[in-house]
Amino acid sequence: MADLRIIVDHVKLEYTGVFDSKAFFKLLGSWFVERGIEKKEVKSFEQNLADGKYIEHEIEYWKKISDYNRFIYKMRALFSGMKKVDVIQDGKKVQMNQGKVILYFDGYLEHDYNNR
């Protein structure tokens, strides 16, 4: 039976302001790919509300350490009140997002994940 040990327990990052969600996920994806970490999208939810979009993403990343151990990283991203705004960046007009972002990170070490 697999044994799951918590390494990072529900670390929370919060931000309110202007951001680029596509660039964030692209950066995050390339960072994990460079390190040989695999990905699985657990949940992707989007809802249009009166005060803006509400988006929820839950992504699970993992990397095998040996035949019996692997690291698991879970990230849950919540975007609320998200609206598109025009911003001047480096002298060019760029369309970005504005709203509130909450990120939750969890990290686990899983032993004997194949039940050997």
N, C-alpha and C. Protein backbone atom coordinates (compact mmCIF):
# COMPACT_ATOMS: atom_id res chain seq x y z
N MET A 1 0.84 -1.18 0.00
CA MET A 1 0.00 0.00 0.00
C MET A 1 0.88 1.25 0.00
N ALA A 2 0.51 2.22 -0.79
CA ALA A 2 1.31 3.44 -0.93
C ALA A 2 1.26 4.27 0.35
N ASP A 3 2.40 4.85 0.67
CA ASP A 3 2.53 5.70 1.84
C ASP A 3 2.78 7.13 1.36
N LEU A 4 1.95 8.06 1.78
CA LEU A 4 2.03 9.45 1.35
C LEU A 4 2.46 10.32 2.52
N ARG A 5 3.60 11.00 2.38
CA ARG A 5 4.10 11.88 3.44
C ARG A 5 4.02 13.32 2.97
N ILE A 6 3.47 14.18 3.82
CA ILE A 6 3.32 15.60 3.49
C ILE A 6 4.65 16.32 3.72
N ILE A 7 5.13 17.00 2.68
CA ILE A 7 6.36 17.78 2.78
C ILE A 7 6.02 19.27 2.86
N VAL A 8 5.15 19.73 1.98
CA VAL A 8 4.67 21.12 1.98
C VAL A 8 3.17 21.06 2.17
N ASP A 9 2.66 21.74 3.20
CA ASP A 9 1.25 21.62 3.54
C ASP A 9 0.51 22.93 3.32
N HIS A 10 -0.14 23.04 2.18
CA HIS A 10 -1.09 24.12 1.89
C HIS A 10 -0.48 25.52 2.04
N VAL A 11 0.63 25.75 1.35
CA VAL A 11 1.24 27.08 1.32
C VAL A 11 0.39 27.97 0.44
N LYS A 12 0.07 29.17 0.92
CA LYS A 12 -0.85 30.06 0.22
C LYS A 12 -0.14 31.33 -0.21
N LEU A 13 -0.32 31.69 -1.50
CA LEU A 13 0.16 32.96 -2.04
C LEU A 13 -1.05 33.72 -2.55
N GLU A 14 -1.11 35.00 -2.24
CA GLU A 14 -2.26 35.81 -2.62
C GLU A 14 -1.78 37.09 -3.31
N TYR A 15 -2.47 37.48 -4.38
CA TYR A 15 -2.09 38.68 -5.13
C TYR A 15 -3.35 39.32 -5.70
N THR A 16 -3.40 40.63 -5.65
CA THR A 16 -4.48 41.39 -6.27
C THR A 16 -3.85 42.47 -7.13
N GLY A 17 -4.28 42.52 -8.39
CA GLY A 17 -3.72 43.52 -9.30
C GLY A 17 -3.72 43.03 -10.73
N VAL A 18 -2.78 43.55 -11.53
CA VAL A 18 -2.68 43.23 -12.95
C VAL A 18 -1.72 42.06 -13.13
N PHE A 19 -2.08 41.10 -13.96
CA PHE A 19 -1.25 39.93 -14.22
C PHE A 19 -1.59 39.36 -15.59
N ASP A 20 -0.75 38.45 -16.05
CA ASP A 20 -0.97 37.76 -17.32
C ASP A 20 -1.08 36.27 -17.01
N SER A 21 -2.29 35.74 -17.00
CA SER A 21 -2.50 34.35 -16.60
C SER A 21 -1.90 33.37 -17.61
N LYS A 22 -1.98 33.67 -18.90
CA LYS A 22 -1.41 32.78 -19.91
C LYS A 22 0.11 32.68 -19.76
N ALA A 23 0.76 33.80 -19.54
CA ALA A 23 2.21 33.81 -19.36
C ALA A 23 2.61 33.06 -18.08
N PHE A 24 1.79 33.18 -17.05
CA PHE A 24 2.06 32.47 -15.79
C PHE A 24 2.06 30.96 -16.00
N PHE A 25 1.02 30.45 -16.64
CA PHE A 25 0.93 29.00 -16.86
C PHE A 25 1.98 28.51 -17.85
N LYS A 26 2.34 29.34 -18.80
CA LYS A 26 3.40 28.98 -19.76
C LYS A 26 4.75 28.88 -19.04
N LEU A 27 5.04 29.85 -18.18
CA LEU A 27 6.28 29.84 -17.40
C LEU A 27 6.33 28.64 -16.46
N LEU A 28 5.23 28.38 -15.79
CA LEU A 28 5.15 27.26 -14.86
C LEU A 28 5.35 25.94 -15.60
N GLY A 29 4.70 25.78 -16.74
CA GLY A 29 4.83 24.56 -17.53
C GLY A 29 6.24 24.33 -18.03
N SER A 30 6.88 25.38 -18.54
CA SER A 30 8.24 25.23 -19.05
C SER A 30 9.22 24.93 -17.92
N TRP A 31 9.00 25.50 -16.73
CA TRP A 31 9.87 25.24 -15.59
C TRP A 31 9.83 23.76 -15.22
N PHE A 32 8.64 23.18 -15.18
CA PHE A 32 8.51 21.76 -14.84
C PHE A 32 9.03 20.86 -15.94
N VAL A 33 8.82 21.21 -17.21
CA VAL A 33 9.30 20.40 -18.33
C VAL A 33 10.84 20.36 -18.33
N GLU A 34 11.49 21.47 -18.04
CA GLU A 34 12.95 21.53 -17.99
C GLU A 34 13.52 20.56 -16.95
N ARG A 35 12.75 20.28 -15.93
CA ARG A 35 13.20 19.41 -14.85
C ARG A 35 12.69 17.97 -14.99
N GLY A 36 12.04 17.65 -16.10
CA GLY A 36 11.57 16.29 -16.35
C GLY A 36 10.41 15.87 -15.48
N ILE A 37 9.56 16.81 -15.12
CA ILE A 37 8.43 16.53 -14.23
C ILE A 37 7.16 16.40 -15.08
N GLU A 38 6.39 15.34 -14.82
CA GLU A 38 5.17 15.08 -15.58
C GLU A 38 3.98 15.82 -14.97
N LYS A 39 2.92 15.98 -15.78
CA LYS A 39 1.80 16.83 -15.38
C LYS A 39 0.46 16.14 -15.66
N LYS A 40 -0.51 16.43 -14.80
CA LYS A 40 -1.88 15.97 -15.00
C LYS A 40 -2.82 17.08 -14.50
N GLU A 41 -3.72 17.52 -15.37
CA GLU A 41 -4.67 18.55 -14.98
C GLU A 41 -5.86 17.87 -14.31
N VAL A 42 -6.03 18.13 -13.03
CA VAL A 42 -7.07 17.47 -12.24
C VAL A 42 -8.42 18.17 -12.43
N LYS A 43 -8.39 19.50 -12.37
CA LYS A 43 -9.64 20.24 -12.46
C LYS A 43 -9.42 21.55 -13.19
N SER A 44 -10.36 21.91 -14.07
CA SER A 44 -10.34 23.19 -14.75
C SER A 44 -11.78 23.68 -14.84
N PHE A 45 -12.05 24.79 -14.19
CA PHE A 45 -13.41 25.29 -14.06
C PHE A 45 -13.42 26.78 -14.34
N GLU A 46 -14.38 27.25 -15.12
CA GLU A 46 -14.49 28.67 -15.45
C GLU A 46 -15.95 29.08 -15.40
N GLN A 47 -16.21 30.23 -14.80
CA GLN A 47 -17.57 30.73 -14.68
C GLN A 47 -17.57 32.25 -14.85
N ASN A 48 -18.49 32.75 -15.69
CA ASN A 48 -18.63 34.18 -15.87
C ASN A 48 -19.64 34.72 -14.86
N LEU A 49 -19.20 35.68 -14.06
CA LEU A 49 -20.06 36.31 -13.06
C LEU A 49 -20.19 37.79 -13.37
N ALA A 50 -21.04 38.48 -12.65
CA ALA A 50 -21.27 39.91 -12.88
C ALA A 50 -20.01 40.74 -12.62
N ASP A 51 -19.21 40.37 -11.62
CA ASP A 51 -18.01 41.15 -11.29
C ASP A 51 -16.76 40.67 -12.03
N GLY A 52 -16.89 39.73 -12.95
CA GLY A 52 -15.76 39.23 -13.73
C GLY A 52 -15.75 37.71 -13.74
N LYS A 53 -14.72 37.16 -14.34
CA LYS A 53 -14.60 35.70 -14.43
C LYS A 53 -14.08 35.10 -13.13
N TYR A 54 -14.53 33.89 -12.86
CA TYR A 54 -14.00 33.08 -11.77
C TYR A 54 -13.41 31.83 -12.42
N ILE A 55 -12.12 31.59 -12.21
CA ILE A 55 -11.45 30.45 -12.81
C ILE A 55 -10.74 29.66 -11.71
N GLU A 56 -10.86 28.35 -11.80
CA GLU A 56 -10.18 27.47 -10.84
C GLU A 56 -9.44 26.38 -11.62
N HIS A 57 -8.14 26.27 -11.36
CA HIS A 57 -7.30 25.23 -11.98
C HIS A 57 -6.65 24.43 -10.86
N GLU A 58 -6.67 23.12 -11.00
CA GLU A 58 -5.92 22.27 -10.08
C GLU A 58 -5.04 21.35 -10.93
N ILE A 59 -3.74 21.45 -10.72
CA ILE A 59 -2.77 20.71 -11.52
C ILE A 59 -1.89 19.90 -10.59
N GLU A 60 -1.60 18.67 -11.00
CA GLU A 60 -0.75 17.78 -10.22
C GLU A 60 0.50 17.46 -11.05
N TYR A 61 1.65 17.64 -10.46
CA TYR A 61 2.92 17.33 -11.10
C TYR A 61 3.60 16.23 -10.28
N TRP A 62 4.37 15.37 -10.95
CA TRP A 62 5.11 14.36 -10.21
C TRP A 62 6.40 14.01 -10.93
N LYS A 63 7.34 13.52 -10.14
CA LYS A 63 8.62 13.08 -10.68
C LYS A 63 9.07 11.83 -9.93
N LYS A 64 9.43 10.81 -10.69
CA LYS A 64 9.93 9.57 -10.09
C LYS A 64 11.35 9.81 -9.58
N ILE A 65 11.58 9.41 -8.36
CA ILE A 65 12.90 9.50 -7.76
C ILE A 65 13.59 8.15 -7.91
N SER A 66 12.84 7.08 -7.70
CA SER A 66 13.32 5.72 -7.89
C SER A 66 12.13 4.87 -8.32
N ASP A 67 12.32 3.55 -8.36
CA ASP A 67 11.20 2.67 -8.72
C ASP A 67 10.12 2.65 -7.65
N TYR A 68 10.43 3.13 -6.46
CA TYR A 68 9.48 3.06 -5.35
C TYR A 68 9.07 4.42 -4.79
N ASN A 69 9.75 5.47 -5.14
CA ASN A 69 9.47 6.79 -4.58
C ASN A 69 9.25 7.82 -5.67
N ARG A 70 8.37 8.77 -5.40
CA ARG A 70 8.18 9.90 -6.31
C ARG A 70 7.71 11.12 -5.53
N PHE A 71 8.07 12.27 -6.05
CA PHE A 71 7.60 13.54 -5.50
C PHE A 71 6.30 13.92 -6.21
N ILE A 72 5.36 14.46 -5.47
CA ILE A 72 4.10 14.94 -6.04
C ILE A 72 3.94 16.40 -5.62
N TYR A 73 3.68 17.26 -6.60
CA TYR A 73 3.43 18.68 -6.36
C TYR A 73 2.01 18.96 -6.81
N LYS A 74 1.22 19.58 -5.95
CA LYS A 74 -0.14 19.96 -6.34
C LYS A 74 -0.26 21.48 -6.26
N MET A 75 -0.85 22.05 -7.28
CA MET A 75 -1.08 23.49 -7.29
C MET A 75 -2.54 23.75 -7.60
N ARG A 76 -3.14 24.58 -6.80
CA ARG A 76 -4.52 25.00 -7.02
C ARG A 76 -4.51 26.51 -7.20
N ALA A 77 -4.97 26.97 -8.37
CA ALA A 77 -4.98 28.40 -8.69
C ALA A 77 -6.42 28.88 -8.77
N LEU A 78 -6.75 29.91 -8.01
CA LEU A 78 -8.08 30.50 -8.01
C LEU A 78 -7.97 31.94 -8.49
N PHE A 79 -8.66 32.26 -9.56
CA PHE A 79 -8.71 33.62 -10.10
C PHE A 79 -10.14 34.12 -9.91
N SER A 80 -10.31 35.27 -9.27
CA SER A 80 -11.66 35.80 -9.08
C SER A 80 -11.71 37.26 -9.49
N GLY A 81 -12.88 37.69 -9.97
CA GLY A 81 -13.07 39.06 -10.42
C GLY A 81 -12.15 39.42 -11.57
N MET A 82 -11.85 38.46 -12.41
CA MET A 82 -10.87 38.64 -13.48
C MET A 82 -11.48 39.37 -14.67
N LYS A 83 -10.88 40.48 -15.04
CA LYS A 83 -11.32 41.27 -16.19
C LYS A 83 -10.11 41.59 -17.06
N LYS A 84 -10.34 41.78 -18.35
CA LYS A 84 -9.27 42.15 -19.26
C LYS A 84 -9.08 43.66 -19.23
N VAL A 85 -7.82 44.08 -19.16
CA VAL A 85 -7.48 45.51 -19.17
C VAL A 85 -6.33 45.73 -20.15
N ASP A 86 -6.24 46.93 -20.68
CA ASP A 86 -5.15 47.30 -21.57
C ASP A 86 -4.06 48.00 -20.76
N VAL A 87 -2.83 47.55 -20.91
CA VAL A 87 -1.69 48.08 -20.17
C VAL A 87 -0.59 48.42 -21.16
N ILE A 88 0.11 49.50 -20.92
CA ILE A 88 1.25 49.86 -21.75
C ILE A 88 2.51 49.26 -21.12
N GLN A 89 3.13 48.34 -21.86
CA GLN A 89 4.31 47.64 -21.38
C GLN A 89 5.41 47.78 -22.42
N ASP A 90 6.53 48.35 -22.04
CA ASP A 90 7.66 48.61 -22.95
C ASP A 90 7.23 49.44 -24.15
N GLY A 91 6.34 50.41 -23.95
CA GLY A 91 5.89 51.30 -25.01
C GLY A 91 4.83 50.70 -25.93
N LYS A 92 4.37 49.47 -25.63
CA LYS A 92 3.35 48.81 -26.45
C LYS A 92 2.11 48.55 -25.62
N LYS A 93 0.98 48.63 -26.29
CA LYS A 93 -0.29 48.35 -25.62
C LYS A 93 -0.51 46.83 -25.58
N VAL A 94 -0.65 46.29 -24.37
CA VAL A 94 -0.78 44.85 -24.17
C VAL A 94 -2.05 44.59 -23.37
N GLN A 95 -2.76 43.52 -23.73
CA GLN A 95 -3.96 43.16 -23.00
C GLN A 95 -3.60 42.15 -21.91
N MET A 96 -3.95 42.49 -20.66
CA MET A 96 -3.64 41.64 -19.51
C MET A 96 -4.91 41.43 -18.69
N ASN A 97 -4.77 40.71 -17.59
CA ASN A 97 -5.89 40.45 -16.70
C ASN A 97 -5.73 41.26 -15.43
N GLN A 98 -6.86 41.57 -14.81
CA GLN A 98 -6.85 42.24 -13.52
C GLN A 98 -7.83 41.51 -12.62
N GLY A 99 -7.43 41.28 -11.38
CA GLY A 99 -8.30 40.59 -10.44
C GLY A 99 -7.50 40.09 -9.25
N LYS A 100 -8.07 39.09 -8.59
CA LYS A 100 -7.45 38.51 -7.41
C LYS A 100 -7.02 37.09 -7.73
N VAL A 101 -5.80 36.74 -7.30
CA VAL A 101 -5.24 35.41 -7.53
C VAL A 101 -4.86 34.81 -6.18
N ILE A 102 -5.28 33.58 -5.96
CA ILE A 102 -4.86 32.82 -4.78
C ILE A 102 -4.27 31.50 -5.28
N LEU A 103 -3.05 31.22 -4.85
CA LEU A 103 -2.37 29.97 -5.23
C LEU A 103 -2.13 29.14 -3.97
N TYR A 104 -2.47 27.86 -4.04
CA TYR A 104 -2.20 26.92 -2.95
C TYR A 104 -1.24 25.86 -3.47
N PHE A 105 -0.18 25.59 -2.70
CA PHE A 105 0.81 24.59 -3.08
C PHE A 105 0.87 23.51 -2.01
N ASP A 106 0.93 22.26 -2.46
CA ASP A 106 1.11 21.11 -1.58
C ASP A 106 2.21 20.24 -2.18
N GLY A 107 3.01 19.64 -1.33
CA GLY A 107 4.06 18.75 -1.78
C GLY A 107 4.06 17.47 -0.98
N TYR A 108 4.22 16.34 -1.66
CA TYR A 108 4.17 15.04 -1.00
C TYR A 108 5.33 14.18 -1.47
N LEU A 109 5.70 13.22 -0.66
CA LEU A 109 6.63 12.17 -1.02
C LEU A 109 5.85 10.87 -0.92
N GLU A 110 5.73 10.18 -2.05
CA GLU A 110 4.94 8.95 -2.08
C GLU A 110 5.89 7.75 -2.18
N HIS A 111 5.73 6.82 -1.24
CA HIS A 111 6.53 5.60 -1.22
C HIS A 111 5.69 4.45 -1.77
N ASP A 112 6.31 3.57 -2.51
CA ASP A 112 5.71 2.35 -3.01
C ASP A 112 4.40 2.63 -3.74
N TYR A 113 4.44 3.52 -4.74
CA TYR A 113 3.24 3.93 -5.44
C TYR A 113 2.67 2.86 -6.37
N ASN A 114 3.43 1.81 -6.67
CA ASN A 114 2.93 0.71 -7.50
C ASN A 114 2.51 -0.49 -6.67
N ASN A 115 2.49 -0.36 -5.36
CA ASN A 115 2.11 -1.44 -4.43
C ASN A 115 2.93 -2.71 -4.66
N ARG A 116 4.24 -2.54 -4.69
CA ARG A 116 5.13 -3.71 -4.88
C ARG A 116 5.46 -4.26 -3.53
